Amino acid sequence: MTRIGLLSDTHGYWDDKYLTYFDPCDEIWHAGDIGSLEVAERLAAFRPLRAVYGNIDGQDIRRLYPQTLRFTVDGAEVLMKHIGGYPGRYDPSIVGSLRAHPPRLFVSGHSHILKVMYDKALGMLHINPGAAGMQGFHQVRTLVRLVVDNGQFRDLEVIELPGKQKG
């Protein structure tokens, strides 16, 4: 059993609540648009971090994290890419890989829209954790926690963080 804390689109914004809500987690996954090396370093100092870079991330982050990451956790293969789309509307940059070798879980970010969907055609779960940072049109900042247990996903929780700053 592995407990996962999942976030995306921090855009360089740090919130101590990330650590509060991810305290029970074994790993943290960041689905891109990290925005600053400091955010990645703080997360990685707290728990093991798996991350991909997003379209706003600079070379410092791109040197440390790949664009696409495929790995296995507790019996479940995971594929993570910042710009990935969702079931029925996958991004052209990843749709071929998803169809050729579907993972059990596909994680993407970018849209700032929280989505948890099961793709029946590919037999995989898709999660976009929404946006945890302050940049963007989203009204609610979100994190996701879930458990991976022997290839299955359970106990998925959506966490809403305090509102965005008014600009």
N, C-alpha and C. Protein backbone atom coordinates (compact mmCIF):
# COMPACT_ATOMS: atom_id res chain seq x y z
N MET A 1 0.85 -1.18 0.00
CA MET A 1 0.00 0.00 0.00
C MET A 1 0.89 1.24 0.00
N THR A 2 0.61 2.14 -0.93
CA THR A 2 1.36 3.38 -1.03
C THR A 2 0.38 4.55 -1.06
N ARG A 3 0.57 5.49 -0.16
CA ARG A 3 -0.30 6.67 -0.10
C ARG A 3 0.35 7.80 -0.91
N ILE A 4 -0.45 8.37 -1.80
CA ILE A 4 0.05 9.36 -2.75
C ILE A 4 -0.60 10.71 -2.50
N GLY A 5 0.22 11.76 -2.54
CA GLY A 5 -0.26 13.14 -2.58
C GLY A 5 -0.01 13.66 -3.98
N LEU A 6 -1.04 14.16 -4.62
CA LEU A 6 -0.97 14.55 -6.03
C LEU A 6 -1.36 16.01 -6.20
N LEU A 7 -0.53 16.76 -6.93
CA LEU A 7 -0.84 18.16 -7.21
C LEU A 7 -0.29 18.55 -8.56
N SER A 8 -0.72 19.71 -9.02
CA SER A 8 -0.27 20.24 -10.30
C SER A 8 -0.41 21.75 -10.29
N ASP A 9 0.24 22.37 -11.24
CA ASP A 9 0.06 23.80 -11.52
C ASP A 9 0.21 24.68 -10.28
N THR A 10 1.33 24.50 -9.58
CA THR A 10 1.63 25.39 -8.46
C THR A 10 2.15 26.73 -8.95
N HIS A 11 2.72 26.76 -10.15
CA HIS A 11 3.21 28.01 -10.76
C HIS A 11 4.10 28.81 -9.81
N GLY A 12 4.95 28.10 -9.07
CA GLY A 12 5.90 28.77 -8.17
C GLY A 12 5.33 29.17 -6.83
N TYR A 13 4.06 28.90 -6.60
CA TYR A 13 3.41 29.29 -5.34
C TYR A 13 3.62 28.20 -4.29
N TRP A 14 4.04 28.59 -3.12
CA TRP A 14 4.20 27.65 -2.00
C TRP A 14 3.12 27.88 -0.97
N ASP A 15 2.54 26.79 -0.47
CA ASP A 15 1.55 26.84 0.58
C ASP A 15 1.93 25.76 1.60
N ASP A 16 2.12 26.14 2.86
CA ASP A 16 2.46 25.16 3.89
C ASP A 16 1.40 24.08 4.04
N LYS A 17 0.20 24.34 3.56
CA LYS A 17 -0.87 23.34 3.62
C LYS A 17 -0.53 22.11 2.78
N TYR A 18 0.33 22.27 1.77
CA TYR A 18 0.75 21.09 1.00
C TYR A 18 1.32 20.04 1.95
N LEU A 19 2.17 20.48 2.86
CA LEU A 19 2.79 19.55 3.79
C LEU A 19 1.80 19.02 4.82
N THR A 20 0.89 19.87 5.25
CA THR A 20 -0.14 19.44 6.20
C THR A 20 -0.96 18.30 5.60
N TYR A 21 -1.45 18.50 4.38
CA TYR A 21 -2.32 17.51 3.76
C TYR A 21 -1.57 16.29 3.23
N PHE A 22 -0.29 16.47 2.90
CA PHE A 22 0.50 15.36 2.40
C PHE A 22 1.28 14.64 3.49
N ASP A 23 1.10 15.03 4.74
CA ASP A 23 1.81 14.38 5.84
C ASP A 23 1.59 12.87 5.89
N PRO A 24 0.36 12.37 5.67
CA PRO A 24 0.18 10.92 5.73
C PRO A 24 0.66 10.18 4.47
N CYS A 25 1.15 10.90 3.48
CA CYS A 25 1.52 10.30 2.19
C CYS A 25 2.93 9.74 2.21
N ASP A 26 3.12 8.71 1.40
CA ASP A 26 4.44 8.10 1.23
C ASP A 26 5.22 8.77 0.11
N GLU A 27 4.51 9.26 -0.90
CA GLU A 27 5.13 9.93 -2.05
C GLU A 27 4.28 11.12 -2.44
N ILE A 28 4.92 12.08 -3.12
CA ILE A 28 4.21 13.21 -3.72
C ILE A 28 4.48 13.17 -5.21
N TRP A 29 3.42 13.37 -5.99
CA TRP A 29 3.54 13.45 -7.45
C TRP A 29 3.09 14.85 -7.87
N HIS A 30 3.90 15.49 -8.71
CA HIS A 30 3.57 16.82 -9.23
C HIS A 30 3.44 16.70 -10.75
N ALA A 31 2.27 17.04 -11.27
CA ALA A 31 1.97 16.87 -12.70
C ALA A 31 2.30 18.10 -13.53
N GLY A 32 3.33 18.84 -13.15
CA GLY A 32 3.86 19.90 -14.01
C GLY A 32 3.37 21.30 -13.73
N ASP A 33 4.05 22.25 -14.39
CA ASP A 33 3.95 23.67 -14.10
C ASP A 33 4.27 23.91 -12.62
N ILE A 34 5.42 23.37 -12.25
CA ILE A 34 5.94 23.53 -10.89
C ILE A 34 6.21 25.01 -10.64
N GLY A 35 6.90 25.64 -11.58
CA GLY A 35 7.06 27.09 -11.54
C GLY A 35 8.30 27.61 -10.86
N SER A 36 8.88 26.83 -9.96
CA SER A 36 10.13 27.25 -9.33
C SER A 36 10.82 26.03 -8.74
N LEU A 37 12.12 26.09 -8.78
CA LEU A 37 12.92 25.02 -8.20
C LEU A 37 12.66 24.92 -6.70
N GLU A 38 12.41 26.04 -6.05
CA GLU A 38 12.16 26.04 -4.61
C GLU A 38 10.96 25.17 -4.25
N VAL A 39 9.87 25.25 -5.02
CA VAL A 39 8.70 24.43 -4.74
C VAL A 39 9.06 22.95 -4.85
N ALA A 40 9.75 22.58 -5.91
CA ALA A 40 10.15 21.18 -6.10
C ALA A 40 11.07 20.72 -4.97
N GLU A 41 12.02 21.55 -4.60
CA GLU A 41 12.97 21.18 -3.53
C GLU A 41 12.27 21.01 -2.19
N ARG A 42 11.33 21.88 -1.89
CA ARG A 42 10.61 21.77 -0.61
C ARG A 42 9.74 20.52 -0.56
N LEU A 43 9.09 20.20 -1.66
CA LEU A 43 8.30 18.97 -1.71
C LEU A 43 9.20 17.75 -1.59
N ALA A 44 10.31 17.75 -2.33
CA ALA A 44 11.23 16.60 -2.33
C ALA A 44 11.92 16.42 -0.98
N ALA A 45 12.10 17.50 -0.24
CA ALA A 45 12.71 17.39 1.09
C ALA A 45 11.72 16.78 2.09
N PHE A 46 10.43 16.88 1.79
CA PHE A 46 9.39 16.39 2.69
C PHE A 46 9.08 14.91 2.45
N ARG A 47 8.91 14.54 1.18
CA ARG A 47 8.61 13.16 0.78
C ARG A 47 9.26 12.91 -0.58
N PRO A 48 9.48 11.64 -0.92
CA PRO A 48 9.97 11.37 -2.28
C PRO A 48 9.04 12.00 -3.32
N LEU A 49 9.63 12.68 -4.29
CA LEU A 49 8.87 13.42 -5.29
C LEU A 49 9.08 12.82 -6.67
N ARG A 50 7.96 12.56 -7.34
CA ARG A 50 7.97 12.21 -8.77
C ARG A 50 7.29 13.39 -9.46
N ALA A 51 7.92 13.89 -10.51
CA ALA A 51 7.36 15.08 -11.16
C ALA A 51 7.71 15.09 -12.64
N VAL A 52 6.90 15.82 -13.39
CA VAL A 52 7.17 16.13 -14.79
C VAL A 52 7.17 17.63 -14.93
N TYR A 53 7.85 18.12 -15.95
CA TYR A 53 7.82 19.56 -16.18
C TYR A 53 6.61 19.93 -17.01
N GLY A 54 6.20 21.17 -16.86
CA GLY A 54 5.08 21.70 -17.63
C GLY A 54 5.54 22.79 -18.57
N ASN A 55 4.60 23.35 -19.30
CA ASN A 55 4.93 24.33 -20.33
C ASN A 55 5.50 25.63 -19.78
N ILE A 56 5.26 25.97 -18.52
CA ILE A 56 5.80 27.22 -17.98
C ILE A 56 7.14 27.01 -17.26
N ASP A 57 7.54 25.75 -17.12
CA ASP A 57 8.76 25.47 -16.36
C ASP A 57 10.01 25.78 -17.17
N GLY A 58 10.99 26.39 -16.49
CA GLY A 58 12.25 26.77 -17.11
C GLY A 58 13.23 25.61 -17.19
N GLN A 59 14.40 25.91 -17.74
CA GLN A 59 15.42 24.88 -17.94
C GLN A 59 15.90 24.26 -16.63
N ASP A 60 15.89 25.02 -15.55
CA ASP A 60 16.33 24.46 -14.27
C ASP A 60 15.46 23.27 -13.87
N ILE A 61 14.16 23.38 -14.06
CA ILE A 61 13.24 22.29 -13.73
C ILE A 61 13.28 21.21 -14.81
N ARG A 62 13.39 21.61 -16.07
CA ARG A 62 13.44 20.63 -17.17
C ARG A 62 14.68 19.75 -17.11
N ARG A 63 15.75 20.24 -16.52
CA ARG A 63 16.95 19.42 -16.36
C ARG A 63 16.74 18.33 -15.30
N LEU A 64 15.88 18.58 -14.34
CA LEU A 64 15.66 17.63 -13.24
C LEU A 64 14.51 16.66 -13.48
N TYR A 65 13.49 17.11 -14.21
CA TYR A 65 12.28 16.31 -14.37
C TYR A 65 11.95 16.15 -15.85
N PRO A 66 11.47 14.97 -16.25
CA PRO A 66 11.17 14.72 -17.65
C PRO A 66 9.81 15.31 -18.06
N GLN A 67 9.57 15.31 -19.36
CA GLN A 67 8.26 15.75 -19.87
C GLN A 67 7.21 14.67 -19.62
N THR A 68 7.62 13.41 -19.73
CA THR A 68 6.73 12.27 -19.54
C THR A 68 7.42 11.30 -18.60
N LEU A 69 6.66 10.75 -17.69
CA LEU A 69 7.21 9.81 -16.71
C LEU A 69 6.30 8.60 -16.61
N ARG A 70 6.88 7.41 -16.83
CA ARG A 70 6.13 6.15 -16.69
C ARG A 70 6.83 5.35 -15.60
N PHE A 71 6.08 4.89 -14.63
CA PHE A 71 6.65 4.16 -13.50
C PHE A 71 5.59 3.25 -12.91
N THR A 72 6.03 2.34 -12.05
CA THR A 72 5.11 1.41 -11.38
C THR A 72 5.18 1.63 -9.88
N VAL A 73 4.02 1.72 -9.26
CA VAL A 73 3.90 1.87 -7.81
C VAL A 73 2.91 0.83 -7.30
N ASP A 74 3.37 0.03 -6.39
CA ASP A 74 2.51 -0.95 -5.73
C ASP A 74 1.63 -1.73 -6.72
N GLY A 75 2.25 -2.17 -7.81
CA GLY A 75 1.54 -3.00 -8.77
C GLY A 75 0.75 -2.27 -9.82
N ALA A 76 0.77 -0.95 -9.83
CA ALA A 76 0.01 -0.17 -10.82
C ALA A 76 0.97 0.65 -11.66
N GLU A 77 0.87 0.51 -12.98
CA GLU A 77 1.67 1.33 -13.87
C GLU A 77 1.01 2.70 -14.02
N VAL A 78 1.84 3.73 -13.91
CA VAL A 78 1.38 5.12 -13.95
C VAL A 78 2.10 5.84 -15.08
N LEU A 79 1.38 6.67 -15.80
CA LEU A 79 1.97 7.55 -16.81
C LEU A 79 1.56 8.97 -16.45
N MET A 80 2.56 9.87 -16.40
CA MET A 80 2.29 11.25 -16.02
C MET A 80 2.87 12.18 -17.08
N LYS A 81 2.06 13.15 -17.51
CA LYS A 81 2.49 14.17 -18.48
C LYS A 81 1.66 15.41 -18.22
N HIS A 82 2.29 16.58 -18.22
CA HIS A 82 1.57 17.80 -17.89
C HIS A 82 0.41 18.05 -18.85
N ILE A 83 0.70 18.15 -20.13
CA ILE A 83 -0.37 18.38 -21.11
C ILE A 83 -0.77 17.03 -21.67
N GLY A 84 -1.90 16.53 -21.22
CA GLY A 84 -2.31 15.19 -21.60
C GLY A 84 -3.75 15.05 -22.03
N GLY A 85 -4.59 16.03 -21.71
CA GLY A 85 -6.00 15.89 -22.02
C GLY A 85 -6.70 14.94 -21.05
N TYR A 86 -7.78 14.35 -21.53
CA TYR A 86 -8.59 13.47 -20.68
C TYR A 86 -9.36 12.52 -21.58
N PRO A 87 -10.00 11.49 -21.02
CA PRO A 87 -10.69 10.50 -21.85
C PRO A 87 -11.60 11.14 -22.90
N GLY A 88 -11.39 10.69 -24.12
CA GLY A 88 -12.16 11.22 -25.25
C GLY A 88 -11.51 12.44 -25.89
N ARG A 89 -10.56 13.09 -25.19
CA ARG A 89 -9.89 14.28 -25.71
C ARG A 89 -8.42 14.33 -25.29
N TYR A 90 -7.72 13.23 -25.52
CA TYR A 90 -6.31 13.20 -25.16
C TYR A 90 -5.51 14.10 -26.10
N ASP A 91 -4.43 14.67 -25.56
CA ASP A 91 -3.57 15.51 -26.36
C ASP A 91 -2.86 14.66 -27.42
N PRO A 92 -2.70 15.18 -28.63
CA PRO A 92 -2.03 14.41 -29.69
C PRO A 92 -0.63 13.94 -29.32
N SER A 93 0.04 14.65 -28.41
CA SER A 93 1.40 14.29 -28.03
C SER A 93 1.48 13.01 -27.19
N ILE A 94 0.35 12.54 -26.66
CA ILE A 94 0.37 11.37 -25.77
C ILE A 94 -0.62 10.28 -26.18
N VAL A 95 -1.56 10.60 -27.03
CA VAL A 95 -2.63 9.64 -27.34
C VAL A 95 -2.10 8.34 -27.92
N GLY A 96 -1.07 8.40 -28.76
CA GLY A 96 -0.51 7.18 -29.34
C GLY A 96 0.08 6.26 -28.28
N SER A 97 0.81 6.83 -27.35
CA SER A 97 1.40 6.06 -26.26
C SER A 97 0.32 5.45 -25.37
N LEU A 98 -0.72 6.22 -25.10
CA LEU A 98 -1.82 5.71 -24.26
C LEU A 98 -2.51 4.53 -24.93
N ARG A 99 -2.76 4.64 -26.23
CA ARG A 99 -3.45 3.56 -26.94
C ARG A 99 -2.57 2.33 -27.12
N ALA A 100 -1.27 2.55 -27.37
CA ALA A 100 -0.37 1.43 -27.60
C ALA A 100 -0.10 0.64 -26.32
N HIS A 101 0.00 1.35 -25.21
CA HIS A 101 0.34 0.69 -23.94
C HIS A 101 -0.32 1.47 -22.79
N PRO A 102 -1.64 1.26 -22.59
CA PRO A 102 -2.32 2.03 -21.55
C PRO A 102 -1.82 1.68 -20.15
N PRO A 103 -1.54 2.69 -19.33
CA PRO A 103 -1.20 2.43 -17.93
C PRO A 103 -2.48 2.17 -17.15
N ARG A 104 -2.34 1.84 -15.88
CA ARG A 104 -3.54 1.72 -15.01
C ARG A 104 -4.04 3.10 -14.61
N LEU A 105 -3.08 4.08 -14.56
CA LEU A 105 -3.42 5.44 -14.16
C LEU A 105 -2.69 6.42 -15.06
N PHE A 106 -3.42 7.37 -15.61
CA PHE A 106 -2.83 8.46 -16.38
C PHE A 106 -3.09 9.76 -15.62
N VAL A 107 -2.01 10.47 -15.29
CA VAL A 107 -2.10 11.72 -14.54
C VAL A 107 -1.65 12.85 -15.45
N SER A 108 -2.45 13.90 -15.51
CA SER A 108 -2.06 15.11 -16.25
C SER A 108 -2.51 16.33 -15.48
N GLY A 109 -2.01 17.47 -15.90
CA GLY A 109 -2.38 18.75 -15.29
C GLY A 109 -2.82 19.70 -16.38
N HIS A 110 -2.32 20.92 -16.35
CA HIS A 110 -2.42 21.95 -17.38
C HIS A 110 -3.76 22.69 -17.42
N SER A 111 -4.87 22.00 -17.37
CA SER A 111 -6.17 22.66 -17.57
C SER A 111 -6.64 23.45 -16.35
N HIS A 112 -6.05 23.18 -15.19
CA HIS A 112 -6.49 23.76 -13.91
C HIS A 112 -7.89 23.29 -13.53
N ILE A 113 -8.37 22.26 -14.18
CA ILE A 113 -9.70 21.72 -13.92
C ILE A 113 -9.55 20.33 -13.31
N LEU A 114 -10.04 20.17 -12.09
CA LEU A 114 -10.02 18.88 -11.42
C LEU A 114 -10.89 17.89 -12.20
N LYS A 115 -10.31 16.73 -12.53
CA LYS A 115 -11.07 15.68 -13.19
C LYS A 115 -10.59 14.34 -12.68
N VAL A 116 -11.53 13.47 -12.38
CA VAL A 116 -11.25 12.07 -12.09
C VAL A 116 -12.22 11.29 -12.96
N MET A 117 -11.67 10.59 -13.95
CA MET A 117 -12.52 9.89 -14.92
C MET A 117 -11.94 8.51 -15.21
N TYR A 118 -12.82 7.55 -15.42
CA TYR A 118 -12.37 6.24 -15.85
C TYR A 118 -12.56 6.13 -17.35
N ASP A 119 -11.53 5.72 -18.06
CA ASP A 119 -11.58 5.53 -19.50
C ASP A 119 -11.87 4.04 -19.75
N LYS A 120 -13.12 3.74 -20.06
CA LYS A 120 -13.52 2.35 -20.27
C LYS A 120 -12.82 1.75 -21.48
N ALA A 121 -12.63 2.54 -22.54
CA ALA A 121 -12.02 2.04 -23.76
C ALA A 121 -10.59 1.57 -23.52
N LEU A 122 -9.85 2.29 -22.68
CA LEU A 122 -8.45 1.94 -22.43
C LEU A 122 -8.25 1.21 -21.09
N GLY A 123 -9.31 1.11 -20.30
CA GLY A 123 -9.22 0.40 -19.02
C GLY A 123 -8.28 1.07 -18.04
N MET A 124 -8.34 2.40 -17.98
CA MET A 124 -7.44 3.12 -17.08
C MET A 124 -8.17 4.28 -16.41
N LEU A 125 -7.66 4.65 -15.26
CA LEU A 125 -8.16 5.80 -14.53
C LEU A 125 -7.36 7.03 -14.97
N HIS A 126 -8.05 8.14 -15.10
CA HIS A 126 -7.38 9.42 -15.41
C HIS A 126 -7.64 10.37 -14.26
N ILE A 127 -6.58 11.05 -13.79
CA ILE A 127 -6.73 12.07 -12.75
C ILE A 127 -5.99 13.33 -13.18
N ASN A 128 -6.70 14.44 -13.14
CA ASN A 128 -6.09 15.77 -13.21
C ASN A 128 -6.39 16.40 -11.86
N PRO A 129 -5.36 16.68 -11.05
CA PRO A 129 -5.63 17.20 -9.70
C PRO A 129 -6.05 18.66 -9.64
N GLY A 130 -6.27 19.29 -10.78
CA GLY A 130 -6.62 20.71 -10.79
C GLY A 130 -5.38 21.55 -10.56
N ALA A 131 -5.53 22.70 -9.96
CA ALA A 131 -4.40 23.61 -9.74
C ALA A 131 -4.26 23.92 -8.25
N ALA A 132 -3.02 23.83 -7.76
CA ALA A 132 -2.75 24.11 -6.35
C ALA A 132 -2.19 25.51 -6.14
N GLY A 133 -1.85 26.19 -7.22
CA GLY A 133 -1.28 27.52 -7.12
C GLY A 133 -2.30 28.63 -7.27
N MET A 134 -1.80 29.84 -7.38
CA MET A 134 -2.67 31.03 -7.46
C MET A 134 -2.86 31.54 -8.88
N GLN A 135 -1.99 31.14 -9.81
CA GLN A 135 -2.08 31.63 -11.18
C GLN A 135 -3.13 30.87 -11.97
N GLY A 136 -3.94 31.57 -12.75
CA GLY A 136 -4.91 30.92 -13.61
C GLY A 136 -6.34 31.30 -13.26
N PHE A 137 -7.24 30.78 -14.06
CA PHE A 137 -8.66 31.15 -13.95
C PHE A 137 -9.42 30.37 -12.89
N HIS A 138 -8.85 29.29 -12.38
CA HIS A 138 -9.58 28.43 -11.44
C HIS A 138 -9.97 29.23 -10.19
N GLN A 139 -11.11 28.89 -9.63
CA GLN A 139 -11.61 29.56 -8.44
C GLN A 139 -11.26 28.82 -7.16
N VAL A 140 -11.05 27.52 -7.28
CA VAL A 140 -10.76 26.68 -6.11
C VAL A 140 -9.43 25.97 -6.35
N ARG A 141 -8.53 26.07 -5.39
CA ARG A 141 -7.26 25.35 -5.46
C ARG A 141 -7.47 23.95 -4.89
N THR A 142 -6.91 22.94 -5.57
CA THR A 142 -7.17 21.56 -5.16
C THR A 142 -5.90 20.72 -5.13
N LEU A 143 -5.95 19.73 -4.25
CA LEU A 143 -4.96 18.65 -4.14
C LEU A 143 -5.75 17.35 -4.17
N VAL A 144 -5.07 16.26 -4.45
CA VAL A 144 -5.70 14.94 -4.42
C VAL A 144 -4.82 14.01 -3.60
N ARG A 145 -5.47 13.18 -2.81
CA ARG A 145 -4.78 12.07 -2.13
C ARG A 145 -5.45 10.79 -2.56
N LEU A 146 -4.66 9.72 -2.69
CA LEU A 146 -5.21 8.42 -3.01
C LEU A 146 -4.26 7.34 -2.51
N VAL A 147 -4.76 6.14 -2.47
CA VAL A 147 -3.97 4.98 -2.07
C VAL A 147 -3.86 4.05 -3.27
N VAL A 148 -2.64 3.58 -3.54
CA VAL A 148 -2.40 2.53 -4.52
C VAL A 148 -2.10 1.27 -3.73
N ASP A 149 -2.89 0.24 -3.96
CA ASP A 149 -2.77 -0.98 -3.17
C ASP A 149 -2.90 -2.19 -4.09
N ASN A 150 -1.77 -2.86 -4.31
CA ASN A 150 -1.76 -4.07 -5.12
C ASN A 150 -2.42 -3.85 -6.49
N GLY A 151 -2.04 -2.75 -7.14
CA GLY A 151 -2.55 -2.45 -8.47
C GLY A 151 -3.91 -1.79 -8.53
N GLN A 152 -4.51 -1.56 -7.38
CA GLN A 152 -5.84 -0.93 -7.32
C GLN A 152 -5.74 0.45 -6.68
N PHE A 153 -6.71 1.30 -6.99
CA PHE A 153 -6.77 2.65 -6.43
C PHE A 153 -7.97 2.74 -5.51
N ARG A 154 -7.74 3.37 -4.35
CA ARG A 154 -8.84 3.51 -3.39
C ARG A 154 -8.63 4.74 -2.53
N ASP A 155 -9.63 5.06 -1.76
CA ASP A 155 -9.59 6.16 -0.79
C ASP A 155 -9.17 7.48 -1.43
N LEU A 156 -9.66 7.75 -2.63
CA LEU A 156 -9.33 9.01 -3.30
C LEU A 156 -10.05 10.16 -2.62
N GLU A 157 -9.29 11.20 -2.29
CA GLU A 157 -9.84 12.38 -1.64
C GLU A 157 -9.46 13.62 -2.43
N VAL A 158 -10.40 14.53 -2.56
CA VAL A 158 -10.13 15.85 -3.14
C VAL A 158 -10.08 16.83 -1.98
N ILE A 159 -9.01 17.60 -1.94
CA ILE A 159 -8.81 18.58 -0.86
C ILE A 159 -8.89 19.97 -1.48
N GLU A 160 -9.77 20.79 -0.95
CA GLU A 160 -9.87 22.18 -1.39
C GLU A 160 -9.07 23.05 -0.45
N LEU A 161 -8.20 23.86 -1.04
CA LEU A 161 -7.36 24.77 -0.26
C LEU A 161 -8.02 26.14 -0.17
N PRO A 162 -7.61 26.94 0.81
CA PRO A 162 -8.16 28.31 0.92
C PRO A 162 -8.05 29.06 -0.40
N GLY A 163 -8.99 29.96 -0.64
CA GLY A 163 -9.16 30.66 -1.91
C GLY A 163 -7.97 31.41 -2.45
N LYS A 164 -8.14 31.83 -3.65
CA LYS A 164 -7.09 32.57 -4.34
C LYS A 164 -7.06 34.02 -3.89
N GLN A 165 -5.90 34.64 -4.06
CA GLN A 165 -5.75 36.05 -3.74
C GLN A 165 -6.47 36.88 -4.80
N LYS A 166 -7.04 37.95 -4.40
CA LYS A 166 -7.69 38.85 -5.35
C LYS A 166 -6.64 39.79 -5.90
N GLY A 167 -6.61 39.97 -7.20
CA GLY A 167 -5.60 40.80 -7.80
C GLY A 167 -6.19 42.02 -8.35
